[in-house]
Amino acid sequence: MKVRRRASTQSVIPTASMADIAMLLLIFFMSTTIISAREHQGVRLPAAYTGDRIPKEFAIRISLSPSGRVALNDAAIELEQLGPVLAEKLRRQPGLTITLHADARAPYAHVSDVIDQLQVAEASRVALAASGKEPR
């Protein structure tokens, strides 16, 4: 007797509805996800209320206004000239301390520009001055 072979069948997973299932899952996760918008956080610099006084003969005062104008010992100076002028003063008298008096309303970008000029002058003794009054 001759044994007849059975016809071989292959198992197939239907993939026609996979795109529908993926889309439903995507819609489900997008609708249940909570997206919280972050508010802009301002940088608030610390304030000092006490500190040592630096004698005027050993200090160079740099003032920065809210509009970005710079003054060196109460004389107006361009920001680009600040580094070379400070370098010359420090070369003549290396023990000077530079005090930076920035208005509280001055944007930090202006303060950063002044600090960059202090790096150009290779100033190693820099003090950030506080007003001495407590904030309200």
N, C-alpha and C. Protein backbone atom coordinates (compact mmCIF):
# COMPACT_ATOMS: atom_id res chain seq x y z
N MET A 1 0.81 -1.13 0.00
CA MET A 1 0.00 0.00 0.00
C MET A 1 0.89 1.24 0.00
N LYS A 2 0.44 2.06 -0.79
CA LYS A 2 1.19 3.28 -0.98
C LYS A 2 0.63 4.35 -0.04
N VAL A 3 1.56 4.93 0.73
CA VAL A 3 1.12 5.95 1.69
C VAL A 3 1.14 7.30 0.99
N ARG A 4 0.07 7.92 1.12
CA ARG A 4 -0.07 9.19 0.46
C ARG A 4 0.40 10.31 1.39
N ARG A 5 1.19 11.16 0.87
CA ARG A 5 1.69 12.28 1.68
C ARG A 5 0.62 13.32 1.82
N ARG A 6 0.60 13.85 2.97
CA ARG A 6 -0.34 14.93 3.19
C ARG A 6 0.22 16.22 2.60
N ALA A 7 -0.64 17.04 2.22
CA ALA A 7 -0.21 18.32 1.67
C ALA A 7 0.31 19.18 2.83
N SER A 8 1.48 19.75 2.63
CA SER A 8 2.06 20.54 3.71
C SER A 8 1.43 21.94 3.72
N THR A 9 1.11 22.38 4.92
CA THR A 9 0.54 23.71 5.07
C THR A 9 1.49 24.54 5.92
N GLN A 10 1.59 25.79 5.61
CA GLN A 10 2.46 26.69 6.37
C GLN A 10 1.60 27.58 7.26
N SER A 11 2.13 27.82 8.45
CA SER A 11 1.42 28.72 9.36
C SER A 11 1.74 30.16 8.98
N VAL A 12 0.74 30.97 8.90
CA VAL A 12 0.90 32.36 8.50
C VAL A 12 0.19 33.24 9.52
N ILE A 13 0.92 34.27 9.98
CA ILE A 13 0.32 35.24 10.90
C ILE A 13 -0.22 36.37 10.05
N PRO A 14 -1.47 36.70 10.20
CA PRO A 14 -2.02 37.78 9.39
C PRO A 14 -1.48 39.14 9.85
N THR A 15 -0.90 39.87 8.96
CA THR A 15 -0.31 41.16 9.30
C THR A 15 -1.06 42.33 8.66
N ALA A 16 -2.18 42.06 8.11
CA ALA A 16 -2.93 43.12 7.43
C ALA A 16 -3.43 44.18 8.42
N SER A 17 -3.75 43.79 9.63
CA SER A 17 -4.30 44.77 10.58
C SER A 17 -3.23 45.33 11.53
N MET A 18 -1.96 45.05 11.31
CA MET A 18 -0.89 45.55 12.18
C MET A 18 -0.80 47.07 12.13
N ALA A 19 -0.98 47.66 10.99
CA ALA A 19 -0.91 49.12 10.88
C ALA A 19 -2.04 49.76 11.67
N ASP A 20 -3.22 49.15 11.67
CA ASP A 20 -4.35 49.68 12.43
C ASP A 20 -4.06 49.61 13.93
N ILE A 21 -3.51 48.52 14.38
CA ILE A 21 -3.19 48.36 15.80
C ILE A 21 -2.11 49.35 16.23
N ALA A 22 -1.09 49.53 15.40
CA ALA A 22 -0.02 50.49 15.73
C ALA A 22 -0.58 51.90 15.81
N MET A 23 -1.49 52.25 14.91
CA MET A 23 -2.08 53.58 14.93
C MET A 23 -2.94 53.78 16.17
N LEU A 24 -3.71 52.78 16.55
CA LEU A 24 -4.53 52.89 17.76
C LEU A 24 -3.66 53.03 19.01
N LEU A 25 -2.56 52.30 19.09
CA LEU A 25 -1.65 52.43 20.23
C LEU A 25 -1.00 53.81 20.27
N LEU A 26 -0.63 54.31 19.10
CA LEU A 26 -0.03 55.63 19.03
C LEU A 26 -1.01 56.71 19.49
N ILE A 27 -2.24 56.63 19.05
CA ILE A 27 -3.26 57.60 19.47
C ILE A 27 -3.52 57.48 20.96
N PHE A 28 -3.56 56.25 21.48
CA PHE A 28 -3.80 56.06 22.91
C PHE A 28 -2.70 56.69 23.74
N PHE A 29 -1.44 56.45 23.42
CA PHE A 29 -0.34 56.99 24.20
C PHE A 29 -0.22 58.50 24.06
N MET A 30 -0.52 59.01 22.88
CA MET A 30 -0.46 60.47 22.70
C MET A 30 -1.56 61.17 23.49
N SER A 31 -2.73 60.55 23.58
CA SER A 31 -3.83 61.19 24.30
C SER A 31 -3.70 61.06 25.81
N THR A 32 -2.97 60.09 26.32
CA THR A 32 -2.84 59.92 27.77
C THR A 32 -1.56 60.53 28.33
N THR A 33 -0.66 60.99 27.47
CA THR A 33 0.58 61.59 27.93
C THR A 33 0.33 63.02 28.38
N ILE A 34 0.89 63.36 29.53
CA ILE A 34 0.74 64.72 30.04
C ILE A 34 2.00 65.50 29.66
N ILE A 35 1.80 66.59 28.94
CA ILE A 35 2.91 67.44 28.53
C ILE A 35 2.80 68.73 29.32
N SER A 36 3.78 68.95 30.17
CA SER A 36 3.75 70.17 30.98
C SER A 36 4.73 71.18 30.39
N ALA A 37 4.26 72.38 30.19
CA ALA A 37 5.10 73.44 29.65
C ALA A 37 5.89 74.05 30.80
N ARG A 38 7.18 74.18 30.61
CA ARG A 38 8.02 74.80 31.64
C ARG A 38 8.01 76.30 31.47
N GLU A 39 7.89 76.97 32.58
CA GLU A 39 7.95 78.42 32.54
C GLU A 39 9.41 78.84 32.54
N HIS A 40 9.64 80.01 31.97
CA HIS A 40 10.99 80.55 31.93
C HIS A 40 11.45 80.84 33.35
N GLN A 41 12.60 80.30 33.70
CA GLN A 41 13.12 80.50 35.04
C GLN A 41 14.24 81.53 34.97
N GLY A 42 14.08 82.62 35.68
CA GLY A 42 15.09 83.67 35.70
C GLY A 42 16.22 83.31 36.66
N VAL A 43 17.38 83.79 36.37
CA VAL A 43 18.53 83.56 37.23
C VAL A 43 18.55 84.67 38.27
N ARG A 44 18.54 84.29 39.52
CA ARG A 44 18.62 85.27 40.59
C ARG A 44 19.96 85.09 41.27
N LEU A 45 20.78 86.11 41.16
CA LEU A 45 22.12 86.03 41.71
C LEU A 45 22.08 86.27 43.21
N PRO A 46 22.96 85.60 43.96
CA PRO A 46 22.97 85.79 45.41
C PRO A 46 23.46 87.18 45.77
N ALA A 47 23.01 87.66 46.89
CA ALA A 47 23.41 88.97 47.36
C ALA A 47 24.19 88.83 48.66
N ALA A 48 25.17 89.67 48.85
CA ALA A 48 25.95 89.67 50.08
C ALA A 48 25.56 90.89 50.89
N TYR A 49 25.48 90.73 52.19
CA TYR A 49 25.08 91.83 53.05
C TYR A 49 26.23 92.39 53.86
N THR A 50 27.28 91.63 54.01
CA THR A 50 28.46 92.12 54.72
C THR A 50 29.69 91.67 53.97
N GLY A 51 30.78 92.34 54.20
CA GLY A 51 32.02 91.97 53.55
C GLY A 51 33.11 92.95 53.93
N ASP A 52 34.32 92.64 53.55
CA ASP A 52 35.45 93.51 53.86
C ASP A 52 35.48 94.68 52.88
N ARG A 53 35.80 95.84 53.39
CA ARG A 53 35.96 97.02 52.54
C ARG A 53 37.36 97.02 51.94
N ILE A 54 37.42 97.40 50.67
CA ILE A 54 38.70 97.47 49.97
C ILE A 54 39.08 98.94 49.88
N PRO A 55 40.27 99.32 50.36
CA PRO A 55 40.68 100.73 50.26
C PRO A 55 40.74 101.19 48.80
N LYS A 56 40.37 102.46 48.57
CA LYS A 56 40.29 102.99 47.21
C LYS A 56 41.63 102.97 46.48
N GLU A 57 42.73 103.13 47.22
CA GLU A 57 44.03 103.16 46.55
C GLU A 57 44.47 101.79 46.05
N PHE A 58 43.79 100.71 46.50
CA PHE A 58 44.13 99.36 46.05
C PHE A 58 43.03 98.75 45.19
N ALA A 59 42.10 99.58 44.70
CA ALA A 59 40.96 99.04 43.96
C ALA A 59 40.71 99.84 42.69
N ILE A 60 40.19 99.14 41.72
CA ILE A 60 39.69 99.75 40.49
C ILE A 60 38.20 99.42 40.46
N ARG A 61 37.38 100.44 40.31
CA ARG A 61 35.94 100.26 40.33
C ARG A 61 35.41 100.22 38.89
N ILE A 62 34.68 99.16 38.58
CA ILE A 62 34.01 99.04 37.29
C ILE A 62 32.51 99.06 37.58
N SER A 63 31.82 100.01 36.98
CA SER A 63 30.38 100.14 37.17
C SER A 63 29.67 99.74 35.89
N LEU A 64 28.55 99.05 36.04
CA LEU A 64 27.76 98.60 34.90
C LEU A 64 26.32 99.04 35.10
N SER A 65 25.81 99.82 34.16
CA SER A 65 24.43 100.32 34.25
C SER A 65 23.46 99.30 33.65
N PRO A 66 22.17 99.46 33.91
CA PRO A 66 21.19 98.53 33.32
C PRO A 66 21.18 98.54 31.79
N SER A 67 21.57 99.67 31.20
CA SER A 67 21.58 99.74 29.73
C SER A 67 22.85 99.15 29.12
N GLY A 68 23.82 98.76 29.96
CA GLY A 68 25.04 98.14 29.46
C GLY A 68 26.21 99.08 29.35
N ARG A 69 26.08 100.34 29.81
CA ARG A 69 27.20 101.27 29.78
C ARG A 69 28.18 100.93 30.88
N VAL A 70 29.46 101.04 30.57
CA VAL A 70 30.52 100.66 31.50
C VAL A 70 31.30 101.91 31.90
N ALA A 71 31.65 101.99 33.19
CA ALA A 71 32.46 103.09 33.69
C ALA A 71 33.62 102.51 34.48
N LEU A 72 34.79 103.07 34.26
CA LEU A 72 36.00 102.65 34.97
C LEU A 72 36.40 103.80 35.89
N ASN A 73 36.33 103.57 37.20
CA ASN A 73 36.57 104.62 38.20
C ASN A 73 35.75 105.87 37.89
N ASP A 74 34.47 105.67 37.64
CA ASP A 74 33.49 106.73 37.37
C ASP A 74 33.74 107.50 36.07
N ALA A 75 34.55 106.99 35.17
CA ALA A 75 34.76 107.59 33.84
C ALA A 75 34.24 106.61 32.79
N ALA A 76 33.38 107.07 31.91
CA ALA A 76 32.80 106.20 30.89
C ALA A 76 33.88 105.64 29.97
N ILE A 77 33.71 104.36 29.60
CA ILE A 77 34.67 103.68 28.74
C ILE A 77 33.91 102.69 27.87
N GLU A 78 34.39 102.48 26.67
CA GLU A 78 33.78 101.48 25.79
C GLU A 78 34.15 100.09 26.30
N LEU A 79 33.25 99.14 26.12
CA LEU A 79 33.46 97.78 26.62
C LEU A 79 34.70 97.14 25.98
N GLU A 80 34.93 97.38 24.69
CA GLU A 80 36.06 96.78 23.99
C GLU A 80 37.39 97.32 24.49
N GLN A 81 37.40 98.54 25.05
CA GLN A 81 38.64 99.14 25.54
C GLN A 81 38.94 98.75 26.98
N LEU A 82 37.98 98.16 27.66
CA LEU A 82 38.13 97.85 29.08
C LEU A 82 39.27 96.87 29.33
N GLY A 83 39.36 95.81 28.56
CA GLY A 83 40.41 94.80 28.76
C GLY A 83 41.81 95.35 28.62
N PRO A 84 42.14 96.04 27.52
CA PRO A 84 43.49 96.59 27.37
C PRO A 84 43.84 97.66 28.41
N VAL A 85 42.88 98.51 28.78
CA VAL A 85 43.15 99.54 29.79
C VAL A 85 43.43 98.90 31.15
N LEU A 86 42.64 97.89 31.50
CA LEU A 86 42.86 97.19 32.77
C LEU A 86 44.20 96.46 32.77
N ALA A 87 44.55 95.86 31.64
CA ALA A 87 45.83 95.15 31.55
C ALA A 87 46.99 96.10 31.79
N GLU A 88 46.91 97.31 31.24
CA GLU A 88 47.97 98.30 31.44
C GLU A 88 48.04 98.74 32.90
N LYS A 89 46.89 98.98 33.53
CA LYS A 89 46.88 99.38 34.95
C LYS A 89 47.42 98.26 35.83
N LEU A 90 47.06 97.02 35.53
CA LEU A 90 47.55 95.90 36.33
C LEU A 90 49.03 95.64 36.10
N ARG A 91 49.52 95.97 34.91
CA ARG A 91 50.95 95.81 34.65
C ARG A 91 51.74 96.80 35.50
N ARG A 92 51.22 98.03 35.64
CA ARG A 92 51.91 99.06 36.43
C ARG A 92 51.78 98.81 37.93
N GLN A 93 50.63 98.29 38.37
CA GLN A 93 50.40 98.07 39.79
C GLN A 93 49.70 96.71 39.97
N PRO A 94 50.47 95.62 40.08
CA PRO A 94 49.89 94.28 40.05
C PRO A 94 49.01 93.91 41.25
N GLY A 95 49.08 94.61 42.36
CA GLY A 95 48.30 94.24 43.54
C GLY A 95 46.90 94.80 43.59
N LEU A 96 46.42 95.38 42.50
CA LEU A 96 45.11 96.01 42.49
C LEU A 96 43.99 94.97 42.51
N THR A 97 42.92 95.33 43.19
CA THR A 97 41.71 94.51 43.20
C THR A 97 40.66 95.22 42.36
N ILE A 98 40.02 94.49 41.49
CA ILE A 98 39.00 95.05 40.62
C ILE A 98 37.64 94.73 41.24
N THR A 99 36.85 95.77 41.48
CA THR A 99 35.51 95.55 42.02
C THR A 99 34.49 95.85 40.93
N LEU A 100 33.60 94.92 40.72
CA LEU A 100 32.57 95.05 39.70
C LEU A 100 31.26 95.40 40.39
N HIS A 101 30.75 96.59 40.12
CA HIS A 101 29.48 97.05 40.67
C HIS A 101 28.46 97.03 39.53
N ALA A 102 27.64 96.01 39.49
CA ALA A 102 26.63 95.89 38.44
C ALA A 102 25.27 96.20 39.03
N ASP A 103 24.49 96.98 38.31
CA ASP A 103 23.13 97.28 38.74
C ASP A 103 22.33 95.99 38.74
N ALA A 104 21.42 95.86 39.69
CA ALA A 104 20.62 94.64 39.80
C ALA A 104 19.73 94.43 38.58
N ARG A 105 19.40 95.50 37.87
CA ARG A 105 18.55 95.39 36.69
C ARG A 105 19.34 95.12 35.42
N ALA A 106 20.66 95.10 35.50
CA ALA A 106 21.49 94.85 34.31
C ALA A 106 21.35 93.40 33.88
N PRO A 107 21.14 93.16 32.59
CA PRO A 107 21.06 91.77 32.12
C PRO A 107 22.38 91.04 32.35
N TYR A 108 22.27 89.76 32.63
CA TYR A 108 23.48 89.00 32.93
C TYR A 108 24.41 88.93 31.71
N ALA A 109 23.88 89.08 30.52
CA ALA A 109 24.73 89.06 29.32
C ALA A 109 25.75 90.19 29.37
N HIS A 110 25.35 91.37 29.87
CA HIS A 110 26.28 92.49 29.99
C HIS A 110 27.35 92.19 31.05
N VAL A 111 26.93 91.58 32.16
CA VAL A 111 27.88 91.22 33.21
C VAL A 111 28.89 90.20 32.66
N SER A 112 28.40 89.27 31.87
CA SER A 112 29.28 88.27 31.26
C SER A 112 30.28 88.91 30.31
N ASP A 113 29.85 89.92 29.55
CA ASP A 113 30.77 90.62 28.65
C ASP A 113 31.88 91.32 29.43
N VAL A 114 31.52 91.92 30.56
CA VAL A 114 32.54 92.58 31.39
C VAL A 114 33.51 91.55 31.96
N ILE A 115 32.99 90.42 32.40
CA ILE A 115 33.86 89.36 32.92
C ILE A 115 34.79 88.84 31.84
N ASP A 116 34.31 88.76 30.60
CA ASP A 116 35.18 88.36 29.48
C ASP A 116 36.32 89.36 29.30
N GLN A 117 36.04 90.66 29.46
CA GLN A 117 37.10 91.67 29.35
C GLN A 117 38.09 91.55 30.51
N LEU A 118 37.60 91.14 31.68
CA LEU A 118 38.51 90.92 32.82
C LEU A 118 39.45 89.75 32.53
N GLN A 119 38.96 88.76 31.81
CA GLN A 119 39.82 87.64 31.42
C GLN A 119 40.85 88.08 30.39
N VAL A 120 40.46 88.98 29.50
CA VAL A 120 41.40 89.52 28.52
C VAL A 120 42.54 90.23 29.24
N ALA A 121 42.19 90.97 30.31
CA ALA A 121 43.20 91.71 31.08
C ALA A 121 43.98 90.80 32.03
N GLU A 122 43.60 89.54 32.11
CA GLU A 122 44.23 88.56 33.01
C GLU A 122 44.17 89.04 34.46
N ALA A 123 43.02 89.57 34.84
CA ALA A 123 42.81 90.04 36.22
C ALA A 123 42.55 88.84 37.12
N SER A 124 43.33 88.74 38.18
CA SER A 124 43.18 87.60 39.08
C SER A 124 42.48 87.96 40.38
N ARG A 125 42.45 89.24 40.72
CA ARG A 125 41.79 89.68 41.95
C ARG A 125 40.55 90.48 41.59
N VAL A 126 39.42 89.80 41.56
CA VAL A 126 38.16 90.42 41.15
C VAL A 126 37.15 90.20 42.27
N ALA A 127 36.44 91.27 42.63
CA ALA A 127 35.39 91.19 43.63
C ALA A 127 34.09 91.66 43.02
N LEU A 128 33.01 90.94 43.29
CA LEU A 128 31.69 91.35 42.86
C LEU A 128 31.06 92.10 44.03
N ALA A 129 30.71 93.33 43.82
CA ALA A 129 30.21 94.17 44.92
C ALA A 129 28.71 94.03 45.07
N ALA A 130 28.27 94.14 46.30
CA ALA A 130 26.84 94.13 46.61
C ALA A 130 26.47 95.50 47.14
N SER A 131 25.19 95.83 47.08
CA SER A 131 24.75 97.16 47.46
C SER A 131 24.76 97.37 48.96
N GLY A 132 24.71 96.33 49.76
CA GLY A 132 24.69 96.46 51.19
C GLY A 132 23.29 96.59 51.75
N LYS A 133 22.30 96.76 50.91
CA LYS A 133 20.91 96.83 51.34
C LYS A 133 20.24 95.50 51.06
N GLU A 134 19.42 95.09 51.97
CA GLU A 134 18.71 93.83 51.78
C GLU A 134 17.61 94.03 50.74
N PRO A 135 17.39 93.01 49.86
CA PRO A 135 16.33 93.15 48.88
C PRO A 135 14.96 93.12 49.54
N ARG A 136 14.02 93.79 48.94
CA ARG A 136 12.66 93.85 49.52
C ARG A 136 11.86 92.64 49.17
